[in-house]
Protein backbone atom coordinates (compact mmCIF):
# COMPACT_ATOMS: atom_id res chain seq x y z
CA MET A 1 -255.21 -113.99 -34.39
CA GLN A 2 -253.18 -116.52 -32.42
CA ALA A 3 -251.07 -119.17 -34.14
CA GLY A 4 -249.10 -121.42 -31.85
CA ASN A 5 -247.44 -119.25 -29.21
CA ALA A 6 -247.55 -116.07 -31.30
CA HIS A 7 -250.22 -113.37 -31.47
CA TYR A 8 -250.79 -111.29 -34.60
CA ARG A 9 -253.00 -108.32 -33.81
CA THR A 10 -252.17 -105.68 -36.41
CA GLY A 11 -250.43 -105.41 -39.76
CA LYS A 12 -247.25 -104.41 -37.91
CA ASP A 13 -247.04 -107.94 -36.50
CA VAL A 14 -246.80 -109.39 -40.01
CA PRO A 15 -243.57 -109.19 -42.06
CA THR A 16 -243.48 -107.27 -45.33
CA THR A 17 -241.31 -109.90 -47.04
CA LEU A 18 -241.88 -113.62 -46.91
CA ALA A 19 -240.54 -116.98 -48.08
CA VAL A 20 -243.23 -118.55 -50.26
CA PHE A 21 -243.99 -122.18 -50.99
CA PRO A 22 -245.85 -122.59 -54.32
CA LEU A 23 -247.95 -125.74 -54.19
CA ALA A 24 -250.87 -126.51 -56.49
CA GLY A 25 -254.08 -127.60 -54.81
CA ALA A 26 -252.91 -126.69 -51.31
CA LEU A 27 -255.22 -124.39 -49.36
CA LEU A 28 -254.36 -122.74 -46.06
CA LEU A 29 -256.83 -120.36 -44.42
CA PRO A 30 -256.66 -118.27 -41.23
CA GLY A 31 -256.98 -120.52 -38.21
CA GLY A 32 -256.59 -123.67 -40.30
CA ARG A 33 -253.88 -126.30 -39.93
CA LEU A 34 -252.03 -127.64 -42.96
CA PRO A 35 -249.68 -130.65 -42.61
CA LEU A 36 -246.86 -130.84 -45.16
CA ASN A 37 -244.21 -133.36 -46.13
CA ILE A 38 -241.07 -131.43 -47.10
CA PHE A 39 -238.43 -133.24 -49.17
CA GLU A 40 -237.06 -130.93 -51.88
CA PRO A 41 -233.63 -129.56 -50.84
CA ARG A 42 -234.62 -125.93 -51.50
CA TYR A 43 -237.65 -126.22 -49.23
CA LEU A 44 -235.69 -128.10 -46.58
CA GLN A 45 -233.41 -125.05 -46.50
CA MET A 46 -236.44 -122.77 -46.41
CA ILE A 47 -237.75 -124.55 -43.31
CA ASP A 48 -234.31 -124.35 -41.67
CA ASP A 49 -234.25 -120.61 -42.34
CA VAL A 50 -237.77 -119.84 -41.14
CA ILE A 51 -237.25 -121.88 -37.96
CA ALA A 52 -234.22 -119.71 -37.26
CA GLY A 53 -236.33 -116.61 -37.97
CA ASP A 54 -240.00 -115.76 -37.52
CA ARG A 55 -241.37 -119.25 -38.42
CA LEU A 56 -243.61 -117.77 -41.12
CA VAL A 57 -244.14 -119.23 -44.61
CA GLY A 58 -246.43 -118.06 -47.39
CA MET A 59 -248.50 -120.82 -48.97
CA ILE A 60 -249.49 -119.90 -52.51
CA GLN A 61 -250.58 -121.70 -55.67
CA PRO A 62 -248.87 -121.56 -59.06
CA ARG A 63 -250.89 -119.46 -61.49
CA LEU A 64 -253.92 -121.30 -62.76
CA ASP A 65 -253.13 -120.61 -66.43
CA GLY A 66 -249.82 -122.48 -66.18
CA ILE A 67 -247.65 -119.57 -67.31
CA LEU A 68 -243.95 -120.13 -66.61
CA ARG A 69 -241.13 -117.72 -65.89
CA ASP A 70 -238.02 -117.58 -68.08
CA ASP A 71 -236.28 -120.01 -65.69
CA GLY A 72 -239.06 -122.57 -66.08
CA GLU A 73 -240.56 -121.97 -62.64
CA PRO A 74 -244.31 -121.29 -62.56
CA GLU A 75 -245.64 -117.83 -62.05
CA ILE A 76 -247.62 -117.62 -58.83
CA CYS A 77 -251.13 -116.45 -57.97
CA GLU A 78 -251.61 -112.95 -56.62
CA ALA A 79 -253.00 -114.11 -53.26
CA GLY A 80 -251.89 -116.68 -50.70
CA CYS A 81 -252.02 -117.30 -46.96
CA LEU A 82 -249.39 -116.71 -44.32
CA GLY A 83 -248.77 -119.68 -42.02
CA ARG A 84 -246.79 -120.09 -38.83
CA LEU A 85 -244.78 -123.27 -38.44
CA THR A 86 -246.23 -124.80 -35.27
CA SER A 87 -245.17 -128.44 -35.62
CA PHE A 88 -241.88 -129.90 -36.81
CA ALA A 89 -240.42 -133.40 -36.93
CA GLU A 90 -237.56 -135.09 -38.76
CA SER A 91 -238.54 -138.30 -40.54
CA GLY A 92 -235.12 -139.96 -40.32
CA ASP A 93 -234.85 -140.27 -44.10
CA GLY A 94 -234.12 -136.62 -44.90
CA ARG A 95 -237.67 -135.26 -44.88
CA TYR A 96 -239.35 -132.75 -42.56
CA LEU A 97 -242.90 -133.34 -41.40
CA ILE A 98 -244.36 -129.97 -40.51
CA ALA A 99 -247.67 -128.23 -39.92
CA LEU A 100 -248.54 -124.63 -40.65
CA GLU A 101 -251.26 -122.75 -38.81
CA GLY A 102 -252.96 -120.06 -40.88
CA VAL A 103 -252.48 -116.45 -39.77
CA CYS A 104 -253.85 -114.22 -42.52
CA ARG A 105 -254.11 -114.03 -46.27
CA PHE A 106 -251.81 -111.78 -48.26
CA ARG A 107 -251.46 -110.25 -51.69
CA VAL A 108 -248.12 -110.40 -53.50
CA THR A 109 -246.92 -106.93 -54.45
CA GLN A 110 -243.52 -107.98 -55.79
CA GLU A 111 -241.49 -111.15 -56.22
CA LEU A 112 -237.96 -110.44 -55.05
CA ALA A 113 -234.66 -111.26 -56.74
CA VAL A 114 -232.95 -113.37 -54.07
CA LYS A 115 -229.96 -115.67 -53.70
CA THR A 116 -231.84 -118.28 -51.70
CA PRO A 117 -232.95 -121.39 -53.64
CA TYR A 118 -236.55 -120.76 -52.53
CA ARG A 119 -238.66 -117.82 -53.62
CA GLN A 120 -239.45 -114.73 -51.59
CA CYS A 121 -242.04 -112.00 -52.07
CA ARG A 122 -242.98 -108.61 -50.79
CA ILE A 123 -246.52 -108.84 -49.49
CA MET A 124 -249.51 -106.85 -48.29
CA PRO A 125 -251.44 -108.68 -45.54
CA PHE A 126 -255.21 -108.88 -45.36
CA VAL A 127 -255.27 -107.26 -41.91
CA GLY A 128 -259.00 -107.95 -41.52
CA ASP A 129 -258.13 -111.63 -41.10
CA LEU A 130 -256.38 -110.83 -37.81
CA SER A 131 -259.66 -110.05 -36.05
CA GLU A 132 -263.06 -111.72 -35.90
CA ASP A 133 -265.07 -111.58 -39.12
CA PRO A 134 -268.55 -110.24 -38.27
CA THR A 135 -270.07 -112.02 -41.27
CA GLY A 136 -269.36 -115.32 -39.54
CA ARG A 137 -272.67 -114.88 -37.73
CA GLU A 138 -274.51 -114.65 -41.06
CA ILE A 139 -273.40 -117.88 -42.73
CA ASP A 140 -275.93 -120.48 -43.81
CA ARG A 141 -274.63 -123.08 -41.37
CA LEU A 142 -277.42 -125.56 -41.99
CA GLY A 143 -277.04 -125.23 -45.77
CA LEU A 144 -273.29 -125.72 -45.51
CA LEU A 145 -273.60 -128.85 -43.38
CA LYS A 146 -276.35 -130.23 -45.60
CA ALA A 147 -274.29 -129.75 -48.78
CA PHE A 148 -271.16 -131.25 -47.26
CA ARG A 149 -273.02 -134.21 -45.78
CA ALA A 150 -274.56 -134.88 -49.20
CA TYR A 151 -271.11 -134.77 -50.79
CA LEU A 152 -269.70 -137.25 -48.26
CA GLU A 153 -272.63 -139.62 -48.69
CA ALA A 154 -272.42 -139.45 -52.51
CA ASN A 155 -268.75 -140.41 -52.31
CA GLU A 156 -269.16 -142.93 -49.48
CA LEU A 157 -266.98 -140.91 -47.14
CA GLU A 158 -267.30 -140.34 -43.41
CA ALA A 159 -266.65 -137.45 -41.05
CA ASP A 160 -266.64 -136.86 -37.31
CA TRP A 161 -269.98 -135.05 -37.25
CA ASP A 162 -269.89 -134.55 -33.47
CA SER A 163 -266.73 -132.46 -33.84
CA VAL A 164 -268.08 -130.71 -36.93
CA SER A 165 -271.32 -129.75 -35.20
CA ARG A 166 -269.42 -128.26 -32.25
CA ALA A 167 -267.11 -126.10 -34.37
CA GLU A 168 -267.78 -122.37 -34.31
CA ASN A 169 -268.67 -120.82 -37.64
CA ALA A 170 -265.27 -119.45 -38.71
CA MET A 171 -263.50 -122.70 -37.91
CA LEU A 172 -266.26 -124.70 -39.61
CA VAL A 173 -266.15 -122.73 -42.86
CA ASN A 174 -262.37 -122.64 -43.10
CA ALA A 175 -261.89 -126.28 -42.08
CA LEU A 176 -264.46 -127.55 -44.59
CA SER A 177 -262.95 -125.35 -47.31
CA MET A 178 -259.50 -126.83 -46.65
CA MET A 179 -260.84 -130.38 -46.46
CA ALA A 180 -262.88 -130.14 -49.65
CA PRO A 181 -261.21 -132.27 -52.38
CA TYR A 182 -261.70 -129.72 -55.14
CA GLY A 183 -259.35 -128.43 -57.81
CA ALA A 184 -256.89 -125.56 -57.80
CA ALA A 185 -259.35 -123.04 -59.27
CA GLU A 186 -261.98 -123.83 -56.66
CA LYS A 187 -259.40 -123.65 -53.87
CA GLN A 188 -258.24 -120.25 -55.10
CA ALA A 189 -261.84 -118.98 -55.23
CA LEU A 190 -262.34 -120.08 -51.63
CA LEU A 191 -259.10 -118.40 -50.59
CA GLU A 192 -259.97 -115.10 -52.27
CA ALA A 193 -263.56 -114.90 -50.98
CA PRO A 194 -263.78 -111.48 -49.30
CA ASP A 195 -265.38 -112.72 -46.07
CA LEU A 196 -266.57 -115.83 -44.27
CA LYS A 197 -270.15 -115.57 -45.49
CA THR A 198 -269.03 -115.35 -49.11
CA ARG A 199 -266.61 -118.25 -48.58
CA ALA A 200 -269.40 -120.38 -47.10
CA ASP A 201 -271.75 -119.48 -49.95
CA THR A 202 -269.00 -120.27 -52.47
CA LEU A 203 -268.32 -123.65 -50.86
CA ILE A 204 -272.02 -124.52 -50.90
CA ALA A 205 -272.30 -123.52 -54.57
CA ILE A 206 -269.21 -125.51 -55.60
CA THR A 207 -270.39 -128.57 -53.68
CA GLU A 208 -273.87 -128.40 -55.21
CA MET A 209 -272.38 -128.10 -58.72
CA VAL A 210 -270.12 -131.11 -58.11
CA LEU A 211 -273.07 -133.14 -56.83
CA ALA A 212 -275.24 -132.13 -59.79
CA ARG A 213 -272.49 -133.12 -62.21
CA LYS A 214 -272.04 -136.45 -60.44
CA ASN A 215 -275.79 -137.11 -60.60
CA ASP A 216 -275.86 -136.26 -64.33
CA GLU A 217 -272.98 -138.65 -64.99
CA PHE A 218 -274.67 -141.37 -62.96
CA GLY A 219 -277.91 -140.87 -64.89
CA SER A 220 -276.07 -141.02 -68.21
CA ASN A 221 -274.41 -144.28 -67.21
CA LEU A 222 -277.81 -145.83 -66.52
CA GLN A 223 -279.15 -145.04 -69.98
């Protein structure tokens, strides 16, 4: 896996501890690109620190059940995605505009007691993400494109279909998963899918359920 100028080939290329950025509804997947607007002081410091270090940040969602720690901070999900900071700009008003490129998913094994204002965890990387997923050749590409096109049309949205049609399978599945405007639970299900084929099947199923629900609501409104 290449992210920016760095190559990550084995688990030894991935750190065992990581600064994490809990953000509900945000999905980063291997090979994907996630732009972020950083303005909280603790995360401004986090970006300063990771730029001075290995440029790696763990994107992770707060736990879906809303459970809080004793200090009022949310507990976090068990799985997230490691991203390399590949783009950085200062806004001029105290914010950082950054982009993370997905490297691999990880599982949190321990949240660390740290003095930094941002949180850090000990992690176990999904090393399979660092190499090509063989199930990428088995995805229902036509079904995925059909479902996503139907979603866009139902919501009067547009996409660059020339670029979409040229994307190779892994990039297509992960990009559409990140673009999909679904909730935190759906995003976590897409993140935790064991392989590309399962992620594609999950995205198709979620999209079809959303479309069916929208059609039911439309039919009810006509009665």
